[in-house]
Amino acid sequence: MGWSKKDLDMLVDVIRKIPSFSNTELSRDNKITKEALKYLLDENKTLPFPGAVLNTSNPFRIIQGATKIISLPGDYFTQDTTIKVSGIDNTVLSVTYINSQRIDVEIEALGNAGFYDIEIKNGEQTSIYSNMLEVYIRVWTDFRLGGRLIYPWESSRERS
């Protein structure tokens, strides 16, 4: 059974991140040379684990003040992967490792409406995905008041 191109490309990326490893030990077409394999098999070397990859470009949405479990699709998740939402304290309630390609995150949207970054950390590698969590305000239309939008923070006296 051979390695997939994706696995080989990931291995080449890991090799290139090792400070003492020379890029000359990789050929121009990214094939791993005997010297590179010898270097990798040296028992005194530890390789950095690759950063987690989020495989979506669509923001996750949650209503302000609500709690929701969001399934993050991706690659290279581990049981030690941590998730943080930038700009909102105490937002991530729990992280559940499903497999290397999916992790579930329970989020409580305590912040203001807007877009927030999701930070995914694997060991020393941190990946930041900008504007991937949208906290929005639920509004509804009250047809008794001529179709006026009603916002959750309005009192009943302000509606009339």
Foldseek 3Di string as FASTA:
>chain_A
DDDDPVVLVQVLVQQVPPVVHDPVCADPVRDHDPVNVVVVPPVVDDTDQDFKAFPDLAAAEDEAQDKDKDKTFTAQDDPPKDKDWPPDPPFWPDWADDDRGIIITIGGRHDDFDFIWMWIDDPPDIDIDGRRYGHHFDWDFDVVLVRDIDGPVDDPVVSD
